[in-house]
Structure formats: C-alpha cells, structure tokens
C-alpha cells in the first residue's frame, strides 16, 4: 500500500515537471498565462498530496503517536513543620497516697469502707475496740460521784470553820484529779475512730475486721484520682528540648484519647543506668477513666520551622545514584527535581532544598512518569493541608 502511494506521488511530480520542460513563453502575456496555469496545477497538486498524507497516516500503523501520561498534581503551600519525640510514660497520682491509721492499738471491730469506695476528708473509715478505756471511764465516773460528795461536805464544814484546811484542799484536789483523768481517757477513747486524712478513692484495705492493729498501723490507703500526672523517662539527648512549662501532647492508647498538658517537673539528675531524665506533667481526668499506672505516650516537640515545605513520604523517590527526588509538572511535561530532606513526622518529610514552593508536584501516577513525558492532569490541583 505504501509503495502504491509513493509511486502516485512520484508520477504526479514527474508529470508536472515534464509539462514545464517543453513550454517556453515568447512574450509577457504568454508567461502570465502559463504562470497562472501552473499555480492552479500546484494548488491542485498540494491538495492531492495533503489527502494522500492524511490517508498514509491512517493506514501506516508503524507511525508512533506521542501519548500523555495521566497524573494528579498537588500545589505546595508553606507551613509550620513540627517534629515530636514519642516517649513512653506511666500515669501516677500527683499527690502521695494518704494513709488512714489508728492512733492507738486495739482490735478493729468495724470497717466502714471498701476498696474502690470514694471518701471525703474526715469521713469515718473504721472503729477500733477500746472497751477497756470505756470501762475505766465508767469506774472513774463512779469515783467522781463519791469524790464530789466528799468535797461538798468538806466545803460545808470549811465554811462553818469546822475541819482543817488540808482536808478541804485534799478533797478538792481529788475531784479535780479525777476530772482530768476522765478527760484524758475520753480523749483516748475518741482515737477508736479512724478518719480519712484526705479525699479520694480507697485503693487498699490493710486490716480486716477482727484483726489487731498497733498504734500508727495503716488501716486503709486512699489516693486522689482526680489529681494525676504522667511520668516519663526521656533520653538525655532531649534535655535541651524540654523545659518546665512546655506544652506536650499526652496520648492514652488503651482509651483512644489524647490531651494537652504542661511539663510541671524536670528531673535534676540523669539516671546512670539508662541515661534518661524524668519529666512530669499534670493531666486532667474528666470522666474518671484515667487510672494510676495506666500506660501513656508523651509527645515532646524537639523541632519547629515556620514557612517550611513538607511532602507526603510516598511522593519522595530515590534514583539509582541514591538521590532523593520528586516529579513535578513543568509546562505540561514531567520534570525531575533533586531534593534534600530534613526531619520526618506523621508521614510527612520536610524538604530542605530543591523546591521553592511554587511547583506543582505530581501525586497520582508520579512513579509511572519519566522526565520529558507529556502530562494530562486528571483532577483539580490538590491543596496541601
């Protein structure tokens, strides 16, 4: 088919040339007439050539047609890029556990709280058996009745100038001494009641009903679950990055919750065994879901840069020479840009150099392109968030 087409073209050219070789105009009028005739023939020939070329393009399957690569693009926007360090932490009470203890020894006859129960400061927790003191008080009451009667008689006699002053004073001293002894025993009897020294949750009961406890023995441990903190051991290399009052993010994986807190304490020493220092941050406990000893993760910001360019990690590729690069849309063609990378966080990587922020970075289909490919954008430019 191609041979026939080329032969036709050659024939047309030969005919035209042969016709002109035997015709020589002898005057100006003949030359003008011949020129107009040849122009008409040329226009006709050009039309036939164009038709044949079009037909040739349709019939010749070996001719390659440049195809466009379908891609998506992303418009770069400069923003503040932040990098955080993740440190494992543990939840603890912000206040030391309070211990409810007996001021005097005795047998616990009544435990009025249970583990997990909420109590307020001053609530009665337990009672200790001080029956011996009560009996002594009862005996003193009877002795006081007798001493009071003797004192009243001695007082009447003394007013009548009967009897000695010594007898009067002795009876008076006796009643006063018994009164002070009774007051002291009544005060000791009050120690039979064990009260909560602070508000919180009863975490542990140390003594059961019927067991004997000594003076100062712990009976119940109370923790304040509304005042909690996270305690983390940070590697010493982050010592310059953490300051008291800094805001940190605290995540609780088991609860699927996250909150912001501030560093309340930085350890003064480095642990020589693992080269870490301790940091603490007070946290809230709305709803009471956070419990002491709950595992947490503290996110400490160790790097921040304003007006930075950051890209999703999957858009950054590497060539055989080890160079990092991204593909961009440059006037409808794919172009390769070598880039220098900075820190990476949350699937984003900072671009230190290689891009100025005005480029259209290829997203979908970027890995299917090579430099110089014609591009066809299949979606509206995506603005980076």
Protein backbone atom coordinates (compact mmCIF):
# COMPACT_ATOMS: atom_id res chain seq x y z
CA UNK A 1 0.00 0.00 0.00
CA UNK A 2 2.81 2.43 0.89
CA UNK A 3 4.58 1.59 -2.44
CA UNK A 4 1.47 2.49 -4.43
CA UNK A 5 1.07 5.80 -2.58
CA UNK A 6 4.70 6.81 -3.10
CA UNK A 7 4.52 5.80 -6.79
CA UNK A 8 1.45 8.00 -7.24
CA UNK A 9 3.22 10.97 -5.66
CA UNK A 10 6.28 10.46 -7.89
CA UNK A 11 4.11 10.25 -11.00
CA UNK A 12 2.37 13.47 -10.18
CA UNK A 13 5.69 15.23 -9.68
CA UNK A 14 7.11 13.83 -13.00
CA UNK A 15 4.06 14.89 -14.95
CA UNK A 16 4.27 18.40 -13.62
CA UNK A 17 7.96 18.72 -14.33
CA UNK A 18 7.68 17.21 -17.84
CA UNK A 19 4.94 19.62 -18.75
CA UNK A 20 7.05 22.62 -17.93
CA UNK A 21 10.18 21.46 -19.79
CA UNK A 22 8.58 21.75 -23.34
CA UNK A 23 6.79 25.08 -22.85
CA UNK A 24 8.73 28.32 -23.24
CA UNK A 25 6.70 31.55 -23.34
CA UNK A 26 7.71 34.01 -26.08
CA UNK A 27 6.14 37.15 -24.63
CA UNK A 28 4.92 38.60 -21.32
CA UNK A 29 1.27 37.73 -21.91
CA UNK A 30 2.11 34.10 -22.58
CA UNK A 31 4.32 34.00 -19.45
CA UNK A 32 1.48 35.36 -17.30
CA UNK A 33 -0.95 32.84 -18.71
CA UNK A 34 1.46 29.98 -18.17
CA UNK A 35 2.22 31.15 -14.60
CA UNK A 36 -1.45 31.24 -13.67
CA UNK A 37 -1.94 27.79 -15.14
CA UNK A 38 0.97 26.37 -13.16
CA UNK A 39 -0.30 27.96 -9.93
CA UNK A 40 -3.65 26.29 -10.46
CA UNK A 41 -1.94 22.97 -11.12
CA UNK A 42 0.25 23.46 -7.98
CA UNK A 43 -2.77 24.12 -5.75
CA UNK A 44 -4.45 21.03 -7.10
CA UNK A 45 -1.29 19.00 -6.57
CA UNK A 46 -0.87 20.28 -2.98
CA UNK A 47 -4.45 19.31 -2.22
CA UNK A 48 -3.87 15.81 -3.57
CA UNK A 49 -0.60 15.49 -1.60
CA UNK A 50 -2.35 16.54 1.64
CA UNK A 51 -5.11 13.99 1.06
CA UNK A 52 -2.54 11.26 0.38
CA UNK A 53 -0.54 12.16 3.51
CA UNK A 54 -3.69 12.00 5.58
CA UNK A 55 -4.54 8.61 4.11
CA UNK A 56 -0.98 7.45 4.72
CA UNK A 57 -1.21 8.45 8.38
CA UNK A 58 -4.40 6.42 8.74
CA UNK A 59 -3.04 3.34 7.00
CA UNK A 60 0.56 3.30 8.37
CA UNK A 61 0.34 1.53 11.78
CA UNK A 62 4.08 1.87 12.36
CA UNK A 63 3.91 5.61 12.96
CA UNK A 64 4.25 6.39 16.71
CA UNK A 65 1.91 8.91 18.30
CA UNK A 66 3.07 10.65 21.47
CA UNK A 67 0.76 9.72 24.38
CA UNK A 68 0.13 11.78 27.50
CA UNK A 69 0.54 10.27 30.99
CA UNK A 70 -2.45 10.70 33.29
CA UNK A 71 -1.34 12.27 36.60
CA UNK A 72 -2.63 14.11 39.64
CA UNK A 73 -0.98 17.26 40.94
CA UNK A 74 -0.54 18.95 44.29
CA UNK A 75 0.01 22.64 44.91
CA UNK A 76 2.65 23.28 47.57
CA UNK A 77 1.86 25.55 50.49
CA UNK A 78 4.46 26.64 53.01
CA UNK A 79 3.50 25.97 56.61
CA UNK A 80 4.95 25.40 60.07
CA UNK A 81 6.56 21.97 60.24
CA UNK A 82 6.89 20.38 63.69
CA UNK A 83 8.67 17.24 64.82
CA UNK A 84 7.78 15.40 68.02
CA UNK A 85 9.60 12.76 70.05
CA UNK A 86 7.46 9.93 71.41
CA UNK A 87 8.32 8.86 74.97
CA UNK A 88 6.63 6.06 76.87
CA UNK A 89 5.12 7.21 80.17
CA UNK A 90 3.13 5.99 83.15
CA UNK A 91 0.20 7.60 84.97
CA UNK A 92 0.71 8.30 88.68
CA UNK A 93 -1.09 10.29 91.36
CA UNK A 94 0.02 13.90 91.64
CA UNK A 95 -0.21 13.58 95.43
CA UNK A 96 1.27 10.81 97.54
CA UNK A 97 -1.29 8.23 98.74
CA UNK A 98 -2.87 9.12 102.09
CA UNK A 99 -2.83 6.52 104.87
CA UNK A 100 -5.67 6.19 107.35
CA UNK A 101 -4.16 4.78 110.55
CA UNK A 102 -5.13 4.17 114.14
CA UNK A 103 -3.62 6.47 116.77
CA UNK A 104 -3.91 3.75 119.37
CA UNK A 105 -3.65 -0.02 119.40
CA UNK A 106 -6.63 -2.32 119.51
CA UNK A 107 -8.87 -4.71 117.63
CA UNK A 108 -10.68 -3.43 114.56
CA UNK A 109 -14.34 -4.05 115.29
CA UNK A 110 -15.89 -2.21 112.31
CA UNK A 111 -14.55 -1.40 108.84
CA UNK A 112 -16.85 1.20 107.30
CA UNK A 113 -15.34 1.48 103.79
CA UNK A 114 -14.44 -0.89 100.97
CA UNK A 115 -11.78 -0.83 98.26
CA UNK A 116 -12.80 1.40 95.35
CA UNK A 117 -15.13 3.49 97.50
CA UNK A 118 -14.99 7.27 97.29
CA UNK A 119 -14.45 9.10 100.59
CA UNK A 120 -14.07 12.69 101.72
CA UNK A 121 -11.56 14.08 104.15
CA UNK A 122 -12.85 13.47 107.70
CA UNK A 123 -15.15 10.54 106.82
CA UNK A 124 -15.20 7.72 109.36
CA UNK A 125 -13.22 4.79 107.99
CA UNK A 126 -13.05 2.25 110.85
CA UNK A 127 -13.53 1.78 114.59
CA UNK A 128 -11.06 0.19 116.99
CA UNK A 129 -12.20 -1.62 120.12
CA UNK A 130 -11.23 0.45 123.18
CA UNK A 131 -13.62 -1.21 125.61
CA UNK A 132 -11.02 -1.19 128.39
CA UNK A 133 -10.80 2.57 128.25
CA UNK A 134 -14.58 2.87 128.33
CA UNK A 135 -14.73 0.67 131.44
CA UNK A 136 -12.09 2.78 133.11
CA UNK A 137 -14.12 5.89 132.31
CA UNK A 138 -17.22 4.28 133.84
CA UNK A 139 -15.28 3.45 137.00
CA UNK A 140 -13.91 6.98 137.16
CA UNK A 141 -17.44 8.37 136.88
CA UNK A 142 -18.48 6.44 139.98
CA UNK A 143 -15.34 7.50 141.86
CA UNK A 144 -16.05 11.08 140.86
CA UNK A 145 -19.55 10.86 142.33
CA UNK A 146 -18.08 9.80 145.68
CA UNK A 147 -15.31 12.39 145.50
CA UNK A 148 -17.84 15.09 144.64
CA UNK A 149 -19.98 14.16 147.64
CA UNK A 150 -16.94 14.23 150.00
CA UNK A 151 -15.83 17.56 148.55
CA UNK A 152 -19.25 19.13 149.06
CA UNK A 153 -19.30 18.01 152.69
CA UNK A 154 -15.81 19.25 153.33
CA UNK A 155 -16.74 22.54 151.72
CA UNK A 156 -19.74 22.99 154.06
CA UNK A 157 -17.63 22.17 157.09
CA UNK A 158 -14.90 24.55 155.93
CA UNK A 159 -17.41 27.35 155.55
CA UNK A 160 -18.51 26.68 159.15
CA UNK A 161 -14.89 26.76 160.23
CA UNK A 162 -15.07 23.07 161.03
CA UNK A 163 -12.27 20.77 159.98
CA UNK A 164 -8.80 21.55 158.67
CA UNK A 165 -7.88 23.37 155.52
CA UNK A 166 -5.78 20.39 154.46
CA UNK A 167 -8.79 18.09 154.40
CA UNK A 168 -10.71 20.62 152.29
CA UNK A 169 -7.87 21.04 149.84
CA UNK A 170 -7.32 17.28 149.56
CA UNK A 171 -10.96 16.65 148.71
CA UNK A 172 -10.89 19.46 146.14
CA UNK A 173 -7.69 18.14 144.56
CA UNK A 174 -9.17 14.66 144.43
CA UNK A 175 -12.18 15.71 142.44
CA UNK A 176 -10.04 17.82 140.06
CA UNK A 177 -7.57 14.99 139.52
CA UNK A 178 -10.36 12.52 138.69
CA UNK A 179 -11.90 15.04 136.29
CA UNK A 180 -8.62 15.49 134.36
CA UNK A 181 -8.09 11.72 134.25
CA UNK A 182 -11.57 11.25 132.84
CA UNK A 183 -10.99 13.94 130.19
CA UNK A 184 -7.72 12.29 129.17
CA UNK A 185 -9.40 8.88 128.85
CA UNK A 186 -12.29 10.34 126.89
CA UNK A 187 -9.75 11.86 124.51
CA UNK A 188 -8.07 8.48 124.14
CA UNK A 189 -11.48 6.92 123.53
CA UNK A 190 -12.00 9.21 120.56
CA UNK A 191 -8.96 7.59 118.96
CA UNK A 192 -11.08 4.49 118.49
CA UNK A 193 -12.47 6.22 115.39
CA UNK A 194 -10.22 6.20 112.31
CA UNK A 195 -10.93 9.06 109.88
CA UNK A 196 -9.91 9.64 106.25
CA UNK A 197 -6.96 12.09 106.18
CA UNK A 198 -7.77 13.17 102.58
CA UNK A 199 -10.44 12.92 99.91
CA UNK A 200 -10.10 10.28 97.23
CA UNK A 201 -10.64 6.61 96.44
CA UNK A 202 -9.91 3.78 98.88
CA UNK A 203 -7.24 1.87 96.99
CA UNK A 204 -6.36 -0.75 99.59
CA UNK A 205 -7.64 -2.09 102.90
CA UNK A 206 -4.74 -3.23 105.09
CA UNK A 207 -6.61 -4.55 108.18
CA UNK A 208 -9.75 -6.67 108.23
CA UNK A 209 -12.48 -6.81 110.84
CA UNK A 210 -11.32 -8.62 113.96
CA UNK A 211 -7.60 -8.08 113.36
CA UNK A 212 -5.47 -6.26 115.92
CA UNK A 213 -3.53 -3.17 114.94
CA UNK A 214 -0.90 -1.25 116.82
CA UNK A 215 -0.60 2.50 117.33
CA UNK A 216 0.06 4.16 113.94
CA UNK A 217 -0.62 0.99 111.97
CA UNK A 218 -2.04 1.69 108.44
CA UNK A 219 -5.63 0.59 108.03
CA UNK A 220 -6.57 1.95 104.59
CA UNK A 221 -4.75 3.64 101.69
CA UNK A 222 -6.53 6.49 99.90
CA UNK A 223 -5.49 8.01 96.57
CA UNK A 224 -6.70 11.21 94.95
CA UNK A 225 -7.60 10.01 91.45
CA UNK A 226 -8.69 13.48 90.34
CA UNK A 227 -5.12 14.81 90.63
CA UNK A 228 -2.98 12.75 88.26
CA UNK A 229 0.29 13.17 86.38
CA UNK A 230 2.26 11.34 83.73
CA UNK A 231 5.84 10.38 84.47
CA UNK A 232 8.23 9.70 81.57
CA UNK A 233 11.93 8.88 81.29
CA UNK A 234 13.34 10.95 78.42
CA UNK A 235 16.75 10.19 76.83
CA UNK A 236 19.38 12.72 77.84
CA UNK A 237 19.86 13.93 74.24
CA UNK A 238 16.47 15.68 74.54
CA UNK A 239 17.47 17.63 77.65
CA UNK A 240 17.85 20.91 75.67
CA UNK A 241 14.42 20.40 74.07
CA UNK A 242 12.36 20.08 77.25
CA UNK A 243 11.68 22.99 79.58
CA UNK A 244 9.34 23.43 82.52
CA UNK A 245 6.03 24.85 81.34
CA UNK A 246 6.35 23.47 77.78
CA UNK A 247 3.15 22.12 76.25
CA UNK A 248 3.19 18.39 75.46
CA UNK A 249 0.67 16.03 73.94
CA UNK A 250 -0.33 13.04 76.05
CA UNK A 251 -1.95 10.01 74.44
CA UNK A 252 -3.63 7.07 76.20
CA UNK A 253 -3.61 4.15 73.72
CA UNK A 254 -5.90 1.97 75.83
CA UNK A 255 -8.56 4.69 75.94
CA UNK A 256 -8.04 6.11 72.46
CA UNK A 257 -7.87 9.60 73.95
CA UNK A 258 -5.41 12.47 73.80
CA UNK A 259 -4.99 15.69 75.75
CA UNK A 260 -2.57 18.59 76.11
CA UNK A 261 -0.60 19.09 79.31
CA UNK A 262 2.34 21.17 80.52
CA UNK A 263 5.63 19.96 81.92
CA UNK A 264 5.45 20.51 85.69
CA UNK A 265 8.79 18.99 86.70
CA UNK A 266 12.13 18.09 85.11
CA UNK A 267 14.45 15.69 86.92
CA UNK A 268 17.61 17.21 88.34
CA UNK A 269 19.75 14.16 87.69
CA UNK A 270 20.46 11.72 84.87
CA UNK A 271 19.86 8.06 85.56
CA UNK A 272 23.30 6.50 85.00
CA UNK A 273 21.88 3.07 84.14
CA UNK A 274 19.81 4.14 81.11
CA UNK A 275 20.95 7.76 80.55
CA UNK A 276 17.48 9.26 80.98
CA UNK A 277 15.98 12.09 83.00
CA UNK A 278 12.49 12.23 84.43
CA UNK A 279 9.76 14.61 83.30
CA UNK A 280 6.30 15.03 84.78
CA UNK A 281 3.13 16.72 83.52
CA UNK A 282 -0.15 17.27 85.38
CA UNK A 283 -3.13 15.85 83.46
CA UNK A 284 -6.88 16.09 83.76
CA UNK A 285 -9.21 13.19 84.45
CA UNK A 286 -12.62 14.19 83.19
CA UNK A 287 -14.95 11.24 83.49
CA UNK A 288 -12.54 9.36 85.76
CA UNK A 289 -11.36 6.99 83.00
CA UNK A 290 -7.65 7.64 83.54
CA UNK A 291 -6.27 5.42 86.29
CA UNK A 292 -2.92 5.33 88.09
CA UNK A 293 -0.38 3.03 86.37
CA UNK A 294 -2.15 3.43 83.01
CA UNK A 295 0.31 3.41 80.10
CA UNK A 296 0.62 6.67 78.16
CA UNK A 297 2.73 8.26 75.42
CA UNK A 298 4.15 11.76 75.77
CA UNK A 299 4.89 13.72 72.57
CA UNK A 300 7.66 16.28 73.14
CA UNK A 301 8.29 18.85 70.38
CA UNK A 302 12.03 18.95 69.61
CA UNK A 303 11.94 20.81 66.27
CA UNK A 304 9.82 23.51 64.63
CA UNK A 305 10.28 25.57 61.45
CA UNK A 306 7.98 28.22 60.03
CA UNK A 307 7.36 28.58 56.26
CA UNK A 308 8.61 25.07 55.61
CA UNK A 309 7.84 22.79 52.65
CA UNK A 310 6.68 19.31 53.64
CA UNK A 311 5.56 16.44 51.43
CA UNK A 312 3.95 13.09 52.00
CA UNK A 313 6.66 10.44 52.23
CA UNK A 314 5.23 8.41 49.33
CA UNK A 315 5.80 11.31 46.90
CA UNK A 316 9.56 11.26 47.50
CA UNK A 317 11.51 8.76 45.35
CA UNK A 318 15.14 7.72 45.06
CA UNK A 319 17.15 7.13 41.89
CA UNK A 320 19.90 4.57 41.26
CA UNK A 321 22.51 7.07 42.46
CA UNK A 322 20.81 7.40 45.82
CA UNK A 323 19.48 10.90 45.16
CA UNK A 324 16.07 11.79 46.56
CA UNK A 325 13.77 13.43 44.03
CA UNK A 326 10.19 14.36 43.27
CA UNK A 327 8.43 14.70 39.92
CA UNK A 328 6.74 18.00 39.05
CA UNK A 329 4.53 19.34 36.30
CA UNK A 330 6.61 21.84 34.31
CA UNK A 331 4.65 23.39 31.45
CA UNK A 332 2.76 20.17 30.81
CA UNK A 333 5.83 17.95 30.93
CA UNK A 334 7.26 15.76 33.69
CA UNK A 335 10.41 17.17 35.30
CA UNK A 336 12.68 15.68 37.94
CA UNK A 337 13.77 17.73 40.94
CA UNK A 338 16.58 16.53 43.25
CA UNK A 339 15.69 17.45 46.86
CA UNK A 340 17.42 17.47 50.23
CA UNK A 341 15.36 16.00 53.05
CA UNK A 342 15.02 17.13 56.66
CA UNK A 343 13.11 15.54 59.52
CA UNK A 344 10.09 13.29 59.06
CA UNK A 345 6.97 13.05 61.23
CA UNK A 346 3.50 11.61 60.78
CA UNK A 347 4.17 10.51 57.16
CA UNK A 348 5.43 13.99 56.24
CA UNK A 349 9.02 14.90 55.37
CA UNK A 350 10.50 18.39 55.34
CA UNK A 351 12.10 19.47 52.06
CA UNK A 352 15.20 21.48 52.97
CA UNK A 353 16.23 22.37 49.40
CA UNK A 354 15.28 21.62 45.80
CA UNK A 355 11.80 23.16 45.82
CA UNK A 356 10.75 26.77 46.34
CA UNK A 357 7.06 26.12 46.99
CA UNK A 358 5.73 27.27 43.61
CA UNK A 359 5.92 23.84 41.92
CA UNK A 360 3.08 21.52 41.02
CA UNK A 361 4.17 18.17 42.45
CA UNK A 362 2.90 15.03 40.77
CA UNK A 363 0.87 12.76 43.02
CA UNK A 364 -1.11 10.02 41.31
CA UNK A 365 0.88 8.44 38.53
CA UNK A 366 4.14 10.13 39.55
CA UNK A 367 6.02 6.83 39.67
CA UNK A 368 4.90 5.99 36.12
CA UNK A 369 6.48 9.09 34.59
CA UNK A 370 9.96 9.87 33.36
CA UNK A 371 11.45 13.25 32.67
CA UNK A 372 10.04 14.78 29.49
CA UNK A 373 6.76 12.83 29.44
CA UNK A 374 3.71 14.78 28.28
CA UNK A 375 1.19 15.09 31.11
CA UNK A 376 -2.56 15.17 31.35
CA UNK A 377 -3.94 16.20 34.74
CA UNK A 378 -6.90 14.02 35.69
CA UNK A 379 -8.09 16.08 38.65
CA UNK A 380 -8.12 19.59 40.04
CA UNK A 381 -4.91 20.62 41.85
CA UNK A 382 -4.95 19.36 45.43
CA UNK A 383 -4.06 21.92 48.09
CA UNK A 384 -1.75 20.52 50.76
CA UNK A 385 -3.21 20.57 54.24
